[in-house]
Amino acid sequence: PINISFANFQDADDDGDGVSTRNEISAENGDIIFPYPSTGGV
């Protein structure tokens, strides 16, 4: 809803899929994966 939407830099779940951004870019040991994991170029 527009009244609770906010910009990516303020949003811990950037795609709104229920899984946090940090979880989607982290390895099991908690390290950030570079480059960020992607599927189909996204």
PDB file of all heavy atoms in Angstrom:
ATOM      1  N   PRO A   1       0.844  -1.197   0.000  1.00  0.00           N
ATOM      2  CA  PRO A   1       0.000   0.000   0.000  1.00  0.00           C
ATOM      3  C   PRO A   1       0.872   1.238   0.000  1.00  0.00           C
ATOM      4  O   PRO A   1       1.919   1.276   0.645  1.00  0.00           O
ATOM      5  CB  PRO A   1      -0.795  -0.130   1.312  1.00  0.00           C
ATOM      6  CG  PRO A   1      -0.740  -1.584   1.644  1.00  0.00           C
ATOM      7  CD  PRO A   1       0.574  -2.080   1.132  1.00  0.00           C
ATOM      8  N   ILE A   2       0.461   2.258  -0.745  1.00  0.00           N
ATOM      9  CA  ILE A   2       1.290   3.444  -0.936  1.00  0.00           C
ATOM     10  C   ILE A   2       1.640   4.123   0.380  1.00  0.00           C
ATOM     11  O   ILE A   2       2.679   4.738   0.524  1.00  0.00           O
ATOM     12  CB  ILE A   2       0.592   4.443  -1.897  1.00  0.00           C
ATOM     13  CG1 ILE A   2       1.578   5.548  -2.319  1.00  0.00           C
ATOM     14  CG2 ILE A   2      -0.642   5.029  -1.243  1.00  0.00           C
ATOM     15  CD1 ILE A   2       2.732   5.055  -3.149  1.00  0.00           C
ATOM     16  N   ASN A   3       0.783   3.974   1.397  1.00  0.00           N
ATOM     17  CA  ASN A   3       1.044   4.687   2.641  1.00  0.00           C
ATOM     18  C   ASN A   3       2.133   4.029   3.481  1.00  0.00           C
ATOM     19  O   ASN A   3       2.587   4.604   4.473  1.00  0.00           O
ATOM     20  CB  ASN A   3      -0.235   4.812   3.476  1.00  0.00           C
ATOM     21  CG  ASN A   3      -0.782   3.453   3.913  1.00  0.00           C
ATOM     22  OD1 ASN A   3      -0.608   2.476   3.212  1.00  0.00           O
ATOM     23  ND2 ASN A   3      -1.442   3.429   5.060  1.00  0.00           N
ATOM     24  N   ILE A   4       2.577   2.826   3.134  1.00  0.00           N
ATOM     25  CA  ILE A   4       3.654   2.222   3.899  1.00  0.00           C
ATOM     26  C   ILE A   4       4.866   1.888   3.026  1.00  0.00           C
ATOM     27  O   ILE A   4       5.837   1.324   3.502  1.00  0.00           O
ATOM     28  CB  ILE A   4       3.182   0.940   4.629  1.00  0.00           C
ATOM     29  CG1 ILE A   4       2.784  -0.147   3.618  1.00  0.00           C
ATOM     30  CG2 ILE A   4       2.080   1.230   5.602  1.00  0.00           C
ATOM     31  CD1 ILE A   4       2.570  -1.499   4.246  1.00  0.00           C
ATOM     32  N   SER A   5       4.786   2.195   1.764  1.00  0.00           N
ATOM     33  CA  SER A   5       5.918   1.919   0.890  1.00  0.00           C
ATOM     34  C   SER A   5       7.036   2.909   1.157  1.00  0.00           C
ATOM     35  O   SER A   5       6.794   4.057   1.529  1.00  0.00           O
ATOM     36  CB  SER A   5       5.491   1.996  -0.576  1.00  0.00           C
ATOM     37  OG  SER A   5       5.064   3.290  -0.910  1.00  0.00           O
ATOM     38  N   PHE A   6       8.270   2.466   0.998  1.00  0.00           N
ATOM     39  CA  PHE A   6       9.403   3.362   1.183  1.00  0.00           C
ATOM     40  C   PHE A   6      10.540   2.922   0.289  1.00  0.00           C
ATOM     41  O   PHE A   6      10.551   1.811  -0.250  1.00  0.00           O
ATOM     42  CB  PHE A   6       9.820   3.441   2.652  1.00  0.00           C
ATOM     43  CG  PHE A   6       9.865   2.114   3.370  1.00  0.00           C
ATOM     44  CD1 PHE A   6      11.041   1.385   3.432  1.00  0.00           C
ATOM     45  CD2 PHE A   6       8.733   1.618   3.994  1.00  0.00           C
ATOM     46  CE1 PHE A   6      11.091   0.175   4.099  1.00  0.00           C
ATOM     47  CE2 PHE A   6       8.766   0.409   4.670  1.00  0.00           C
ATOM     48  CZ  PHE A   6       9.952  -0.329   4.718  1.00  0.00           C
ATOM     49  N   ALA A   7      11.534   3.812   0.162  1.00  0.00           N
ATOM     50  CA  ALA A   7      12.609   3.595  -0.801  1.00  0.00           C
ATOM     51  C   ALA A   7      13.486   2.415  -0.397  1.00  0.00           C
ATOM     52  O   ALA A   7      13.568   2.030   0.769  1.00  0.00           O
ATOM     53  CB  ALA A   7      13.446   4.864  -0.923  1.00  0.00           C
ATOM     54  N   ASN A   8      14.209   1.864  -1.387  1.00  0.00           N
ATOM     55  CA  ASN A   8      15.029   0.680  -1.147  1.00  0.00           C
ATOM     56  C   ASN A   8      16.046   0.879  -0.027  1.00  0.00           C
ATOM     57  O   ASN A   8      16.311  -0.049   0.744  1.00  0.00           O
ATOM     58  CB  ASN A   8      15.762   0.277  -2.431  1.00  0.00           C
ATOM     59  CG  ASN A   8      14.856  -0.474  -3.393  1.00  0.00           C
ATOM     60  OD1 ASN A   8      13.633  -0.442  -3.262  1.00  0.00           O
ATOM     61  ND2 ASN A   8      15.454  -1.130  -4.364  1.00  0.00           N
ATOM     62  N   PHE A   9      16.644   2.069   0.064  1.00  0.00           N
ATOM     63  CA  PHE A   9      17.687   2.252   1.067  1.00  0.00           C
ATOM     64  C   PHE A   9      17.120   2.256   2.490  1.00  0.00           C
ATOM     65  O   PHE A   9      17.869   2.171   3.459  1.00  0.00           O
ATOM     66  CB  PHE A   9      18.491   3.536   0.788  1.00  0.00           C
ATOM     67  CG  PHE A   9      17.872   4.812   1.294  1.00  0.00           C
ATOM     68  CD1 PHE A   9      18.299   5.377   2.489  1.00  0.00           C
ATOM     69  CD2 PHE A   9      16.890   5.465   0.561  1.00  0.00           C
ATOM     70  CE1 PHE A   9      17.750   6.568   2.944  1.00  0.00           C
ATOM     71  CE2 PHE A   9      16.338   6.652   1.012  1.00  0.00           C
ATOM     72  CZ  PHE A   9      16.771   7.202   2.217  1.00  0.00           C
ATOM     73  N   GLN A  10      15.785   2.331   2.602  1.00  0.00           N
ATOM     74  CA  GLN A  10      15.125   2.275   3.897  1.00  0.00           C
ATOM     75  C   GLN A  10      14.395   0.950   4.111  1.00  0.00           C
ATOM     76  O   GLN A  10      13.764   0.749   5.144  1.00  0.00           O
ATOM     77  CB  GLN A  10      14.098   3.407   3.999  1.00  0.00           C
ATOM     78  CG  GLN A  10      14.686   4.802   3.841  1.00  0.00           C
ATOM     79  CD  GLN A  10      13.600   5.844   3.617  1.00  0.00           C
ATOM     80  OE1 GLN A  10      12.737   5.688   2.751  1.00  0.00           O
ATOM     81  NE2 GLN A  10      13.642   6.900   4.389  1.00  0.00           N
ATOM     82  N   ASP A  11      14.477   0.045   3.150  1.00  0.00           N
ATOM     83  CA  ASP A  11      13.642  -1.152   3.111  1.00  0.00           C
ATOM     84  C   ASP A  11      14.508  -2.403   3.259  1.00  0.00           C
ATOM     85  O   ASP A  11      15.356  -2.677   2.415  1.00  0.00           O
ATOM     86  CB  ASP A  11      12.884  -1.189   1.777  1.00  0.00           C
ATOM     87  CG  ASP A  11      11.829  -2.265   1.718  1.00  0.00           C
ATOM     88  OD1 ASP A  11      11.798  -3.117   2.618  1.00  0.00           O
ATOM     89  OD2 ASP A  11      11.033  -2.259   0.759  1.00  0.00           O
ATOM     90  N   ALA A  12      14.288  -3.171   4.313  1.00  0.00           N
ATOM     91  CA  ALA A  12      15.085  -4.374   4.560  1.00  0.00           C
ATOM     92  C   ALA A  12      14.651  -5.548   3.695  1.00  0.00           C
ATOM     93  O   ALA A  12      15.298  -6.598   3.693  1.00  0.00           O
ATOM     94  CB  ALA A  12      15.010  -4.757   6.037  1.00  0.00           C
ATOM     95  N   ASP A  13      13.552  -5.397   2.953  1.00  0.00           N
ATOM     96  CA  ASP A  13      13.087  -6.429   2.015  1.00  0.00           C
ATOM     97  C   ASP A  13      12.766  -5.734   0.699  1.00  0.00           C
ATOM     98  O   ASP A  13      11.632  -5.356   0.428  1.00  0.00           O
ATOM     99  CB  ASP A  13      11.858  -7.147   2.580  1.00  0.00           C
ATOM    100  CG  ASP A  13      11.313  -8.228   1.637  1.00  0.00           C
ATOM    101  OD1 ASP A  13      11.996  -8.540   0.651  1.00  0.00           O
ATOM    102  OD2 ASP A  13      10.206  -8.736   1.899  1.00  0.00           O
ATOM    103  N   ASP A  14      13.783  -5.563  -0.133  1.00  0.00           N
ATOM    104  CA  ASP A  14      13.676  -4.678  -1.289  1.00  0.00           C
ATOM    105  C   ASP A  14      12.701  -5.146  -2.361  1.00  0.00           C
ATOM    106  O   ASP A  14      12.214  -4.328  -3.140  1.00  0.00           O
ATOM    107  CB  ASP A  14      15.053  -4.468  -1.927  1.00  0.00           C
ATOM    108  CG  ASP A  14      15.968  -3.634  -1.042  1.00  0.00           C
ATOM    109  OD1 ASP A  14      15.492  -2.633  -0.480  1.00  0.00           O
ATOM    110  OD2 ASP A  14      17.149  -3.988  -0.896  1.00  0.00           O
ATOM    111  N   ASP A  15      12.429  -6.432  -2.439  1.00  0.00           N
ATOM    112  CA  ASP A  15      11.480  -6.887  -3.451  1.00  0.00           C
ATOM    113  C   ASP A  15      10.137  -7.290  -2.846  1.00  0.00           C
ATOM    114  O   ASP A  15       9.236  -7.738  -3.558  1.00  0.00           O
ATOM    115  CB  ASP A  15      12.055  -8.033  -4.293  1.00  0.00           C
ATOM    116  CG  ASP A  15      12.512  -9.211  -3.434  1.00  0.00           C
ATOM    117  OD1 ASP A  15      12.222  -9.216  -2.219  1.00  0.00           O
ATOM    118  OD2 ASP A  15      13.162 -10.121  -3.980  1.00  0.00           O
ATOM    119  N   GLY A  16       9.993  -7.136  -1.529  1.00  0.00           N
ATOM    120  CA  GLY A  16       8.705  -7.397  -0.892  1.00  0.00           C
ATOM    121  C   GLY A  16       8.239  -8.837  -0.987  1.00  0.00           C
ATOM    122  O   GLY A  16       7.029  -9.098  -0.964  1.00  0.00           O
ATOM    123  N   ASP A  17       9.202  -9.788  -1.052  1.00  0.00           N
ATOM    124  CA  ASP A  17       8.800 -11.191  -1.209  1.00  0.00           C
ATOM    125  C   ASP A  17       8.746 -11.937   0.119  1.00  0.00           C
ATOM    126  O   ASP A  17       8.541 -13.157   0.148  1.00  0.00           O
ATOM    127  CB  ASP A  17       9.731 -11.913  -2.179  1.00  0.00           C
ATOM    128  CG  ASP A  17      11.179 -11.965  -1.690  1.00  0.00           C
ATOM    129  OD1 ASP A  17      11.465 -11.426  -0.602  1.00  0.00           O
ATOM    130  OD2 ASP A  17      12.027 -12.537  -2.413  1.00  0.00           O
ATOM    131  N   GLY A  18       8.940 -11.237   1.226  1.00  0.00           N
ATOM    132  CA  GLY A  18       8.871 -11.870   2.534  1.00  0.00           C
ATOM    133  C   GLY A  18      10.188 -12.412   3.031  1.00  0.00           C
ATOM    134  O   GLY A  18      10.286 -12.843   4.182  1.00  0.00           O
ATOM    135  N   VAL A  19      11.222 -12.392   2.195  1.00  0.00           N
ATOM    136  CA  VAL A  19      12.569 -12.802   2.599  1.00  0.00           C
ATOM    137  C   VAL A  19      13.444 -11.558   2.602  1.00  0.00           C
ATOM    138  O   VAL A  19      13.501 -10.831   1.608  1.00  0.00           O
ATOM    139  CB  VAL A  19      13.158 -13.864   1.636  1.00  0.00           C
ATOM    140  CG1 VAL A  19      14.567 -14.267   2.074  1.00  0.00           C
ATOM    141  CG2 VAL A  19      12.251 -15.087   1.577  1.00  0.00           C
ATOM    142  N   SER A  20      14.124 -11.300   3.699  1.00  0.00           N
ATOM    143  CA  SER A  20      14.890 -10.067   3.813  1.00  0.00           C
ATOM    144  C   SER A  20      16.005 -10.011   2.777  1.00  0.00           C
ATOM    145  O   SER A  20      16.529 -11.049   2.337  1.00  0.00           O
ATOM    146  CB  SER A  20      15.491  -9.941   5.217  1.00  0.00           C
ATOM    147  OG  SER A  20      16.546 -10.871   5.394  1.00  0.00           O
ATOM    148  N   THR A  21      16.359  -8.800   2.399  1.00  0.00           N
ATOM    149  CA  THR A  21      17.462  -8.600   1.453  1.00  0.00           C
ATOM    150  C   THR A  21      18.729  -9.253   1.970  1.00  0.00           C
ATOM    151  O   THR A  21      19.453  -9.915   1.213  1.00  0.00           O
ATOM    152  CB  THR A  21      17.690  -7.100   1.221  1.00  0.00           C
ATOM    153  OG1 THR A  21      16.549  -6.552   0.550  1.00  0.00           O
ATOM    154  CG2 THR A  21      18.942  -6.849   0.393  1.00  0.00           C
ATOM    155  N   ARG A  22      19.030  -9.071   3.264  1.00  0.00           N
ATOM    156  CA  ARG A  22      20.258  -9.644   3.820  1.00  0.00           C
ATOM    157  C   ARG A  22      20.278 -11.169   3.657  1.00  0.00           C
ATOM    158  O   ARG A  22      21.311 -11.749   3.308  1.00  0.00           O
ATOM    159  CB  ARG A  22      20.408  -9.256   5.290  1.00  0.00           C
ATOM    160  CG  ARG A  22      21.682  -9.803   5.935  1.00  0.00           C
ATOM    161  CD  ARG A  22      21.856  -9.305   7.349  1.00  0.00           C
ATOM    162  NE  ARG A  22      22.285  -7.912   7.371  1.00  0.00           N
ATOM    163  CZ  ARG A  22      23.558  -7.524   7.267  1.00  0.00           C
ATOM    164  NH1 ARG A  22      24.524  -8.426   7.100  1.00  0.00           N
ATOM    165  NH2 ARG A  22      23.868  -6.244   7.316  1.00  0.00           N
ATOM    166  N   ASN A  23      19.158 -11.819   3.888  1.00  0.00           N
ATOM    167  CA  ASN A  23      19.113 -13.272   3.709  1.00  0.00           C
ATOM    168  C   ASN A  23      19.345 -13.671   2.262  1.00  0.00           C
ATOM    169  O   ASN A  23      19.976 -14.696   1.979  1.00  0.00           O
ATOM    170  CB  ASN A  23      17.762 -13.828   4.173  1.00  0.00           C
ATOM    171  CG  ASN A  23      17.737 -14.109   5.663  1.00  0.00           C
ATOM    172  OD1 ASN A  23      18.775 -14.232   6.296  1.00  0.00           O
ATOM    173  ND2 ASN A  23      16.540 -14.194   6.231  1.00  0.00           N
ATOM    174  N   GLU A  24      18.841 -12.852   1.332  1.00  0.00           N
ATOM    175  CA  GLU A  24      18.944 -13.216  -0.083  1.00  0.00           C
ATOM    176  C   GLU A  24      20.332 -12.976  -0.663  1.00  0.00           C
ATOM    177  O   GLU A  24      20.612 -13.400  -1.788  1.00  0.00           O
ATOM    178  CB  GLU A  24      17.875 -12.477  -0.894  1.00  0.00           C
ATOM    179  CG  GLU A  24      16.463 -12.888  -0.505  1.00  0.00           C
ATOM    180  CD  GLU A  24      15.441 -12.591  -1.584  1.00  0.00           C
ATOM    181  OE1 GLU A  24      15.274 -13.426  -2.492  1.00  0.00           O
ATOM    182  OE2 GLU A  24      14.813 -11.513  -1.504  1.00  0.00           O
ATOM    183  N   ILE A  25      21.203 -12.287   0.102  1.00  0.00           N
ATOM    184  CA  ILE A  25      22.560 -12.040  -0.395  1.00  0.00           C
ATOM    185  C   ILE A  25      23.623 -12.661   0.511  1.00  0.00           C
ATOM    186  O   ILE A  25      24.814 -12.400   0.340  1.00  0.00           O
ATOM    187  CB  ILE A  25      22.843 -10.529  -0.561  1.00  0.00           C
ATOM    188  CG1 ILE A  25      22.780  -9.805   0.787  1.00  0.00           C
ATOM    189  CG2 ILE A  25      21.885  -9.903  -1.563  1.00  0.00           C
ATOM    190  CD1 ILE A  25      23.222  -8.345   0.709  1.00  0.00           C
ATOM    191  N   SER A  26      23.203 -13.496   1.475  1.00  0.00           N
ATOM    192  CA  SER A  26      24.138 -14.054   2.450  1.00  0.00           C
ATOM    193  C   SER A  26      24.383 -15.540   2.253  1.00  0.00           C
ATOM    194  O   SER A  26      23.498 -16.282   1.811  1.00  0.00           O
ATOM    195  CB  SER A  26      23.621 -13.833   3.877  1.00  0.00           C
ATOM    196  OG  SER A  26      23.569 -12.466   4.195  1.00  0.00           O
ATOM    197  N   ALA A  27      25.595 -15.953   2.619  1.00  0.00           N
ATOM    198  CA  ALA A  27      25.928 -17.374   2.682  1.00  0.00           C
ATOM    199  C   ALA A  27      25.476 -17.912   4.042  1.00  0.00           C
ATOM    200  O   ALA A  27      25.067 -17.157   4.922  1.00  0.00           O
ATOM    201  CB  ALA A  27      27.428 -17.573   2.497  1.00  0.00           C
ATOM    202  N   GLU A  28      25.580 -19.226   4.230  1.00  0.00           N
ATOM    203  CA  GLU A  28      25.127 -19.832   5.473  1.00  0.00           C
ATOM    204  C   GLU A  28      25.893 -19.319   6.684  1.00  0.00           C
ATOM    205  O   GLU A  28      25.361 -19.259   7.795  1.00  0.00           O
ATOM    206  CB  GLU A  28      25.246 -21.359   5.382  1.00  0.00           C
ATOM    207  CG  GLU A  28      24.207 -22.001   4.471  1.00  0.00           C
ATOM    208  CD  GLU A  28      24.204 -23.518   4.604  1.00  0.00           C
ATOM    209  OE1 GLU A  28      23.668 -24.011   5.621  1.00  0.00           O
ATOM    210  OE2 GLU A  28      24.728 -24.181   3.699  1.00  0.00           O
ATOM    211  N   ASN A  29      27.169 -18.930   6.478  1.00  0.00           N
ATOM    212  CA  ASN A  29      27.960 -18.415   7.597  1.00  0.00           C
ATOM    213  C   ASN A  29      27.696 -16.939   7.873  1.00  0.00           C
ATOM    214  O   ASN A  29      28.325 -16.342   8.743  1.00  0.00           O
ATOM    215  CB  ASN A  29      29.448 -18.643   7.353  1.00  0.00           C
ATOM    216  CG  ASN A  29      29.967 -17.873   6.138  1.00  0.00           C
ATOM    217  OD1 ASN A  29      29.208 -17.160   5.464  1.00  0.00           O
ATOM    218  ND2 ASN A  29      31.249 -18.019   5.841  1.00  0.00           N
ATOM    219  N   GLY A  30      26.776 -16.335   7.112  1.00  0.00           N
ATOM    220  CA  GLY A  30      26.414 -14.935   7.327  1.00  0.00           C
ATOM    221  C   GLY A  30      27.178 -13.949   6.472  1.00  0.00           C
ATOM    222  O   GLY A  30      26.859 -12.757   6.467  1.00  0.00           O
ATOM    223  N   ASP A  31      28.209 -14.409   5.761  1.00  0.00           N
ATOM    224  CA  ASP A  31      28.984 -13.503   4.900  1.00  0.00           C
ATOM    225  C   ASP A  31      28.149 -13.075   3.688  1.00  0.00           C
ATOM    226  O   ASP A  31      27.383 -13.866   3.132  1.00  0.00           O
ATOM    227  CB  ASP A  31      30.260 -14.191   4.404  1.00  0.00           C
ATOM    228  CG  ASP A  31      31.273 -14.410   5.520  1.00  0.00           C
ATOM    229  OD1 ASP A  31      31.121 -13.769   6.585  1.00  0.00           O
ATOM    230  OD2 ASP A  31      32.190 -15.230   5.322  1.00  0.00           O
ATOM    231  N   ILE A  32      28.343 -11.809   3.293  1.00  0.00           N
ATOM    232  CA  ILE A  32      27.683 -11.309   2.091  1.00  0.00           C
ATOM    233  C   ILE A  32      28.358 -11.896   0.862  1.00  0.00           C
ATOM    234  O   ILE A  32      29.590 -11.936   0.770  1.00  0.00           O
ATOM    235  CB  ILE A  32      27.735  -9.773   2.033  1.00  0.00           C
ATOM    236  CG1 ILE A  32      27.115  -9.164   3.296  1.00  0.00           C
ATOM    237  CG2 ILE A  32      27.031  -9.256   0.788  1.00  0.00           C
ATOM    238  CD1 ILE A  32      25.655  -9.480   3.485  1.00  0.00           C
ATOM    239  N   ILE A  33      27.561 -12.364  -0.082  1.00  0.00           N
ATOM    240  CA  ILE A  33      28.079 -12.961  -1.315  1.00  0.00           C
ATOM    241  C   ILE A  33      28.236 -11.869  -2.377  1.00  0.00           C
ATOM    242  O   ILE A  33      27.303 -11.138  -2.678  1.00  0.00           O
ATOM    243  CB  ILE A  33      27.123 -14.052  -1.834  1.00  0.00           C
ATOM    244  CG1 ILE A  33      26.935 -15.148  -0.778  1.00  0.00           C
ATOM    245  CG2 ILE A  33      27.634 -14.639  -3.140  1.00  0.00           C
ATOM    246  CD1 ILE A  33      25.836 -16.133  -1.130  1.00  0.00           C
ATOM    247  N   PHE A  34      29.443 -11.785  -2.944  1.00  0.00           N
ATOM    248  CA  PHE A  34      29.704 -10.873  -4.061  1.00  0.00           C
ATOM    249  C   PHE A  34      30.173 -11.692  -5.265  1.00  0.00           C
ATOM    250  O   PHE A  34      31.048 -12.552  -5.123  1.00  0.00           O
ATOM    251  CB  PHE A  34      30.763  -9.839  -3.689  1.00  0.00           C
ATOM    252  CG  PHE A  34      30.359  -8.893  -2.604  1.00  0.00           C
ATOM    253  CD1 PHE A  34      30.848  -9.057  -1.308  1.00  0.00           C
ATOM    254  CD2 PHE A  34      29.474  -7.846  -2.854  1.00  0.00           C
ATOM    255  CE1 PHE A  34      30.489  -8.186  -0.305  1.00  0.00           C
ATOM    256  CE2 PHE A  34      29.111  -6.972  -1.847  1.00  0.00           C
ATOM    257  CZ  PHE A  34      29.615  -7.142  -0.557  1.00  0.00           C
ATOM    258  N   PRO A  35      29.681 -11.445  -6.458  1.00  0.00           N
ATOM    259  CA  PRO A  35      28.523 -10.569  -6.707  1.00  0.00           C
ATOM    260  C   PRO A  35      27.266 -11.155  -6.087  1.00  0.00           C
ATOM    261  O   PRO A  35      27.210 -12.352  -5.807  1.00  0.00           O
ATOM    262  CB  PRO A  35      28.442 -10.501  -8.228  1.00  0.00           C
ATOM    263  CG  PRO A  35      29.082 -11.785  -8.677  1.00  0.00           C
ATOM    264  CD  PRO A  35      30.172 -12.085  -7.686  1.00  0.00           C
ATOM    265  N   TYR A  36      26.258 -10.316  -5.899  1.00  0.00           N
ATOM    266  CA  TYR A  36      25.036 -10.776  -5.275  1.00  0.00           C
ATOM    267  C   TYR A  36      24.387 -11.887  -6.115  1.00  0.00           C
ATOM    268  O   TYR A  36      24.379 -11.812  -7.342  1.00  0.00           O
ATOM    269  CB  TYR A  36      24.042  -9.618  -5.118  1.00  0.00           C
ATOM    270  CG  TYR A  36      24.572  -8.453  -4.322  1.00  0.00           C
ATOM    271  CD1 TYR A  36      24.487  -7.155  -4.826  1.00  0.00           C
ATOM    272  CD2 TYR A  36      25.159  -8.637  -3.074  1.00  0.00           C
ATOM    273  CE1 TYR A  36      24.973  -6.083  -4.098  1.00  0.00           C
ATOM    274  CE2 TYR A  36      25.651  -7.565  -2.344  1.00  0.00           C
ATOM    275  CZ  TYR A  36      25.562  -6.277  -2.862  1.00  0.00           C
ATOM    276  OH  TYR A  36      26.046  -5.230  -2.146  1.00  0.00           O
ATOM    277  N   PRO A  37      23.857 -12.923  -5.460  1.00  0.00           N
ATOM    278  CA  PRO A  37      23.195 -14.003  -6.201  1.00  0.00           C
ATOM    279  C   PRO A  37      22.098 -13.467  -7.114  1.00  0.00           C
ATOM    280  O   PRO A  37      21.351 -12.547  -6.734  1.00  0.00           O
ATOM    281  CB  PRO A  37      22.603 -14.875  -5.091  1.00  0.00           C
ATOM    282  CG  PRO A  37      23.439 -14.589  -3.884  1.00  0.00           C
ATOM    283  CD  PRO A  37      23.812 -13.131  -4.009  1.00  0.00           C
ATOM    284  N   SER A  38      22.004 -14.018  -8.296  1.00  0.00           N
ATOM    285  CA  SER A  38      21.000 -13.563  -9.248  1.00  0.00           C
ATOM    286  C   SER A  38      20.424 -14.741 -10.013  1.00  0.00           C
ATOM    287  O   SER A  38      21.043 -15.799 -10.116  1.00  0.00           O
ATOM    288  CB  SER A  38      21.592 -12.541 -10.230  1.00  0.00           C
ATOM    289  OG  SER A  38      22.609 -13.145 -11.032  1.00  0.00           O
ATOM    290  N   THR A  39      19.236 -14.532 -10.543  1.00  0.00           N
ATOM    291  CA  THR A  39      18.556 -15.532 -11.353  1.00  0.00           C
ATOM    292  C   THR A  39      18.052 -14.858 -12.622  1.00  0.00           C
ATOM    293  O   THR A  39      17.315 -13.866 -12.551  1.00  0.00           O
ATOM    294  CB  THR A  39      17.367 -16.149 -10.591  1.00  0.00           C
ATOM    295  OG1 THR A  39      17.836 -16.736  -9.367  1.00  0.00           O
ATOM    296  CG2 THR A  39      16.684 -17.211 -11.441  1.00  0.00           C
ATOM    297  N   GLY A  40      18.471 -15.354 -13.773  1.00  0.00           N
ATOM    298  CA  GLY A  40      18.043 -14.764 -15.033  1.00  0.00           C
ATOM    299  C   GLY A  40      18.525 -13.334 -15.211  1.00  0.00           C
ATOM    300  O   GLY A  40      17.867 -12.533 -15.872  1.00  0.00           O
ATOM    301  N   GLY A  41      19.690 -13.010 -14.612  1.00  0.00           N
ATOM    302  CA  GLY A  41      20.260 -11.674 -14.770  1.00  0.00           C
ATOM    303  C   GLY A  41      19.704 -10.639 -13.811  1.00  0.00           C
ATOM    304  O   GLY A  41      20.142  -9.487 -13.835  1.00  0.00           O
ATOM    305  N   VAL A  42      18.742 -11.027 -12.957  1.00  0.00           N
ATOM    306  CA  VAL A  42      18.161 -10.102 -11.986  1.00  0.00           C
ATOM    307  C   VAL A  42      18.611 -10.521 -10.590  1.00  0.00           C
ATOM    308  O   VAL A  42      18.454 -11.697 -10.216  1.00  0.00           O
ATOM    309  CB  VAL A  42      16.617 -10.111 -12.042  1.00  0.00           C
ATOM    310  CG1 VAL A  42      16.035  -9.171 -11.000  1.00  0.00           C
ATOM    311  CG2 VAL A  42      16.140  -9.731 -13.436  1.00  0.00           C
TER     312      VAL A  42
END
